[in-house]
Amino acid sequence: MLHQDGPAYYPVVAILSLGSPVVIDFTPHPNLSCRVGAHGNGAEDKISDQEAAVMNSYEWLDNFHPFSIILMPRSLLIFKDMVYSDYLHGIKDSEVHRCNAAVNITNVQNHGVVPHSSGSVKGLDSDDTVICRANTRVSLTCRVVTKVYKSIFKF
């Protein structure tokens, strides 16, 4: 599910990816589209897959366009600044991940990982390139909390 981390965190995230490769998607926040009435509330935003499909049909302002990154096992992804604040991010809960639009697909192919053609995968075009999650994916996500309230942890 696409989401944006809330304002409680310092605007940087580090993700150490282990296990199966996956594709993380980044989509401009709806307030960056040309669509009238779209807005962000500054809190943690979550958008369903159906809403994400509608968002992909928006016309984006200037340099804000959706993109994806393939996270290989033992890879570290750090994102901050505009990607942290102006984009929603998420990994689909699926065994098959489309990677046609991944910005690092040639790097992945150069390291001996060959994405599959999706010819027999239901719901995808036959010319889509996919990565199949054969193993469990484990990730460690590190964030910095800017201020911790002691009263939150009282039981």
Foldseek 3Di string as FASTA:
>chain_A
DWKAAAPQFAFKKKKFKAAFKFKKKKAFQQVQFPDPPGDDDRGMDDDDPVVVVVSQPTHGPDPGGMAMAIRHHRDMDMDGDCSRPGITMDTDPDQKHFHPRHPCVVVCVVVVDAFDQCCPPPPDDRRTTIGGRPTDMDMDMDTHRPDDDPVVPDD
